[in-house]
Amino acid sequence: MALARVCSGGPATLRAGIVSLIFKKGDPEDLSNWRPITMCNTDFEIFALIIKNRLATVLHELIGEYQTCGVAGRSIYDNLRFLRDNLEPGVEGALLKLDQESAFPNVDHGYLFAALGAFGFPSRFISLIHLLYKNVFVCVNFEGGLTNRIPFQKEVRQGDPMASSLCILCLEPCLRKLARRMREIAPSPFPSAPDTNLSTYTQSPSSRTRSSFH
């Protein structure tokens, strides 16, 4: 009964959120120095956590080993070990670090659902995620009150249990192509990782993607 209700549209509370701005540092009049955290309703959190747990059962098959965020059995320490074990004297080349700022806020919803379809997720499963991102709105907690409703037209929300899983799925096509092109240019110089030139961690707290490659 509950699942049928959700699939038919669900309560409005699934689509509402309150954004609180957390000051980081620097000039408080510069909006880039504030981090938006979306507080969602309990029904959204429970439903999103269920979907996240379903995604977790297949992410290790879909996401390349170079990505260590959000995949069971992997952690940022794998990235550190990758660099420690492979940066040995005598290895020629260069190490390039890329830092993609605002990775989570820049996820386009249309691209998100296209990526899920390309990965082969069933249309019924995608429709459940679509439900949580269709006609969504937020209100900003400002000076003790709430602003008018603001349409939520892109990004995966920080505070959403699915955020890391959805973000790394969106990044995966780009990383796959990057890894493939790099292998075509030159073989991997890393003794312990002969099949990859890439090491990536999508960091949800600061909404950044960090990639290092030869």
Protein backbone atom coordinates (compact mmCIF):
# COMPACT_ATOMS: atom_id res chain seq x y z
CA MET A 1 0.00 0.00 0.00
CA ALA A 2 2.71 2.48 0.99
CA LEU A 3 4.83 1.69 -2.08
CA ALA A 4 1.78 2.01 -4.34
CA ARG A 5 1.09 5.45 -2.87
CA VAL A 6 4.67 6.55 -3.42
CA CYS A 7 4.71 5.28 -7.01
CA SER A 8 1.49 7.16 -7.78
CA GLY A 9 2.95 10.49 -6.72
CA GLY A 10 3.65 10.36 -3.04
CA PRO A 11 3.03 13.03 -0.39
CA ALA A 12 4.23 16.60 -0.95
CA THR A 13 6.66 16.19 1.94
CA LEU A 14 8.86 14.05 -0.34
CA ARG A 15 9.49 17.09 -2.52
CA ALA A 16 10.07 19.76 0.12
CA GLY A 17 13.29 20.77 1.86
CA ILE A 18 14.70 23.55 4.02
CA VAL A 19 18.14 24.90 3.19
CA SER A 20 20.36 26.12 6.02
CA LEU A 21 23.48 28.10 5.17
CA ILE A 22 26.60 27.07 7.10
CA PHE A 23 29.32 29.71 7.19
CA LYS A 24 32.78 28.37 6.26
CA LYS A 25 35.30 31.20 6.40
CA GLY A 26 36.28 34.49 4.79
CA ASP A 27 33.99 37.35 3.87
CA PRO A 28 30.44 36.60 5.08
CA GLU A 29 29.03 38.77 2.28
CA ASP A 30 30.50 36.40 -0.31
CA LEU A 31 27.93 33.66 -0.94
CA SER A 32 30.67 31.21 -1.95
CA ASN A 33 31.76 31.21 1.69
CA TRP A 34 28.46 29.67 2.76
CA ARG A 35 27.65 25.97 2.39
CA PRO A 36 24.01 25.07 1.74
CA ILE A 37 22.77 22.00 3.58
CA THR A 38 19.31 20.74 2.67
CA MET A 39 17.24 19.33 5.52
CA CYS A 40 14.68 16.93 4.13
CA ASN A 41 11.60 15.43 5.75
CA THR A 42 11.79 12.09 7.50
CA ASP A 43 9.74 10.26 4.86
CA PHE A 44 12.17 11.46 2.18
CA GLU A 45 15.19 10.38 4.26
CA ILE A 46 13.78 6.88 4.81
CA PHE A 47 12.77 6.39 1.19
CA ALA A 48 16.07 7.79 -0.13
CA LEU A 49 18.01 5.51 2.24
CA ILE A 50 16.16 2.48 0.88
CA ILE A 51 17.10 3.47 -2.68
CA LYS A 52 20.69 4.14 -1.64
CA ASN A 53 20.96 0.65 -0.16
CA ARG A 54 19.62 -0.84 -3.40
CA LEU A 55 22.16 1.15 -5.41
CA ALA A 56 24.95 -0.01 -3.11
CA THR A 57 24.45 -3.63 -4.18
CA VAL A 58 25.56 -2.89 -7.77
CA LEU A 59 27.85 0.16 -7.56
CA HIS A 60 30.98 -1.99 -7.27
CA GLU A 61 30.11 -3.52 -10.66
CA LEU A 62 29.38 -0.20 -12.39
CA ILE A 63 32.00 2.14 -10.92
CA GLY A 64 35.65 1.79 -11.89
CA GLU A 65 38.16 0.91 -9.21
CA TYR A 66 39.71 4.37 -9.58
CA GLN A 67 36.64 5.85 -7.81
CA THR A 68 36.66 5.15 -4.07
CA CYS A 69 33.79 7.31 -2.79
CA GLY A 70 30.42 5.76 -2.04
CA VAL A 71 31.35 2.20 -3.01
CA ALA A 72 31.28 -0.49 -0.32
CA GLY A 73 34.75 -1.77 0.55
CA ARG A 74 36.54 1.32 -0.81
CA SER A 75 37.73 4.45 0.96
CA ILE A 76 39.91 7.51 0.48
CA TYR A 77 42.76 5.51 2.03
CA ASP A 78 42.82 3.46 -1.18
CA ASN A 79 43.72 6.65 -3.03
CA LEU A 80 46.49 7.37 -0.56
CA ARG A 81 47.85 3.83 -0.89
CA PHE A 82 47.68 4.12 -4.68
CA LEU A 83 49.95 7.18 -4.61
CA ARG A 84 52.22 5.82 -1.89
CA ASP A 85 52.78 2.49 -3.63
CA ASN A 86 53.28 3.88 -7.12
CA LEU A 87 55.31 7.04 -6.71
CA GLU A 88 58.65 5.30 -6.67
CA PRO A 89 62.07 6.58 -7.71
CA GLY A 90 62.73 5.95 -11.38
CA VAL A 91 59.09 6.23 -12.50
CA GLU A 92 58.99 8.84 -15.24
CA GLY A 93 56.04 11.12 -15.83
CA ALA A 94 53.97 13.77 -14.11
CA LEU A 95 51.22 13.77 -11.52
CA LEU A 96 48.30 16.08 -12.29
CA LYS A 97 45.68 16.90 -9.67
CA LEU A 98 42.24 18.11 -10.76
CA ASP A 99 39.77 19.53 -8.26
CA GLN A 100 36.22 19.92 -9.57
CA GLU A 101 34.51 22.48 -7.40
CA SER A 102 30.77 22.18 -6.75
CA ALA A 103 30.50 18.68 -8.18
CA PHE A 104 27.20 17.93 -6.43
CA PRO A 105 25.42 21.26 -7.20
CA ASN A 106 26.25 20.96 -10.91
CA VAL A 107 24.50 17.64 -11.52
CA ASP A 108 21.84 18.22 -14.19
CA HIS A 109 18.69 16.20 -13.52
CA GLY A 110 18.13 15.38 -17.18
CA TYR A 111 21.65 14.01 -17.46
CA LEU A 112 21.23 12.13 -14.17
CA PHE A 113 18.23 10.16 -15.44
CA ALA A 114 19.84 9.58 -18.84
CA ALA A 115 22.91 8.15 -17.08
CA LEU A 116 20.79 5.85 -14.91
CA GLY A 117 19.08 4.56 -18.04
CA ALA A 118 22.39 4.05 -19.82
CA PHE A 119 23.65 1.99 -16.89
CA GLY A 120 20.67 -0.32 -17.32
CA PHE A 121 18.64 0.47 -14.21
CA PRO A 122 15.01 -0.63 -14.64
CA SER A 123 12.59 2.12 -15.61
CA ARG A 124 10.49 1.44 -12.49
CA PHE A 125 13.53 1.95 -10.27
CA ILE A 126 14.46 5.18 -12.10
CA SER A 127 10.89 6.42 -11.69
CA LEU A 128 11.27 6.12 -7.90
CA ILE A 129 14.36 8.34 -7.99
CA HIS A 130 12.60 10.66 -10.42
CA LEU A 131 9.79 11.02 -7.89
CA LEU A 132 12.23 12.47 -5.37
CA TYR A 133 13.64 14.98 -7.87
CA LYS A 134 10.53 16.04 -9.82
CA ASN A 135 8.73 19.28 -8.88
CA VAL A 136 11.03 19.63 -5.89
CA PHE A 137 11.32 22.90 -4.02
CA VAL A 138 13.26 24.31 -1.12
CA CYS A 139 12.88 27.22 1.27
CA VAL A 140 15.92 28.94 2.72
CA ASN A 141 16.13 29.39 6.47
CA PHE A 142 17.05 33.06 6.68
CA GLU A 143 17.09 35.28 9.78
CA GLY A 144 14.70 33.05 11.67
CA GLY A 145 12.18 32.72 8.87
CA LEU A 146 11.70 30.88 5.60
CA THR A 147 11.85 32.33 2.10
CA ASN A 148 9.28 31.63 -0.58
CA ARG A 149 9.52 28.31 -2.40
CA ILE A 150 12.49 28.03 -4.75
CA PRO A 151 12.28 25.41 -7.56
CA PHE A 152 15.00 22.80 -7.26
CA GLN A 153 16.06 22.29 -10.88
CA LYS A 154 19.53 20.76 -10.63
CA GLU A 155 22.10 19.22 -8.26
CA VAL A 156 21.94 16.32 -5.86
CA ARG A 157 21.28 17.70 -2.43
CA GLN A 158 23.86 17.62 0.31
CA GLY A 159 21.96 15.88 3.07
CA ASP A 160 20.33 13.43 0.64
CA PRO A 161 21.38 9.83 1.50
CA MET A 162 21.55 9.07 -2.25
CA ALA A 163 23.76 12.07 -3.09
CA SER A 164 27.16 10.33 -3.27
CA SER A 165 25.79 7.34 -5.19
CA LEU A 166 24.02 9.48 -7.77
CA CYS A 167 26.97 11.83 -8.18
CA ILE A 168 29.53 9.10 -8.84
CA LEU A 169 27.18 7.46 -11.35
CA CYS A 170 26.98 10.79 -13.21
CA LEU A 171 30.77 11.18 -13.17
CA GLU A 172 31.52 7.61 -14.23
CA PRO A 173 31.05 8.03 -18.03
CA CYS A 174 33.54 10.92 -18.05
CA LEU A 175 36.04 9.02 -15.90
CA ARG A 176 35.73 5.89 -18.05
CA LYS A 177 36.46 7.88 -21.18
CA LEU A 178 39.34 9.70 -19.51
CA ALA A 179 40.89 6.46 -18.27
CA ARG A 180 40.49 4.82 -21.68
CA ARG A 181 42.03 7.73 -23.59
CA MET A 182 44.95 7.89 -21.19
CA ARG A 183 45.68 4.20 -21.74
CA GLU A 184 45.59 4.80 -25.49
CA ILE A 185 48.14 7.59 -25.16
CA ALA A 186 50.51 5.61 -22.95
CA PRO A 187 50.43 2.50 -20.76
CA SER A 188 50.13 2.93 -17.04
CA PRO A 189 53.52 3.47 -15.40
CA PHE A 190 52.28 2.29 -12.01
CA PRO A 191 53.69 -1.11 -10.96
CA SER A 192 50.79 -2.03 -8.68
CA ALA A 193 48.07 -0.69 -10.99
CA PRO A 194 48.96 -1.62 -14.58
CA ASP A 195 45.41 -1.09 -15.86
CA THR A 196 44.79 2.47 -14.70
CA ASN A 197 46.33 5.92 -14.68
CA LEU A 198 43.59 7.44 -12.56
CA SER A 199 42.67 7.77 -8.89
CA THR A 200 39.49 9.64 -7.88
CA TYR A 201 37.55 10.51 -4.75
CA THR A 202 34.26 12.45 -4.88
CA GLN A 203 34.13 14.25 -1.58
CA SER A 204 30.57 14.93 -0.53
CA PRO A 205 31.12 17.20 2.50
CA SER A 206 32.82 19.89 0.42
CA SER A 207 31.14 18.88 -2.84
CA ARG A 208 34.38 18.38 -4.72
CA THR A 209 35.81 15.72 -6.99
CA ARG A 210 39.53 15.20 -6.71
CA SER A 211 41.36 13.26 -9.41
CA SER A 212 45.02 12.46 -9.71
CA PHE A 213 46.52 10.84 -12.78
CA HIS A 214 49.74 10.29 -14.66
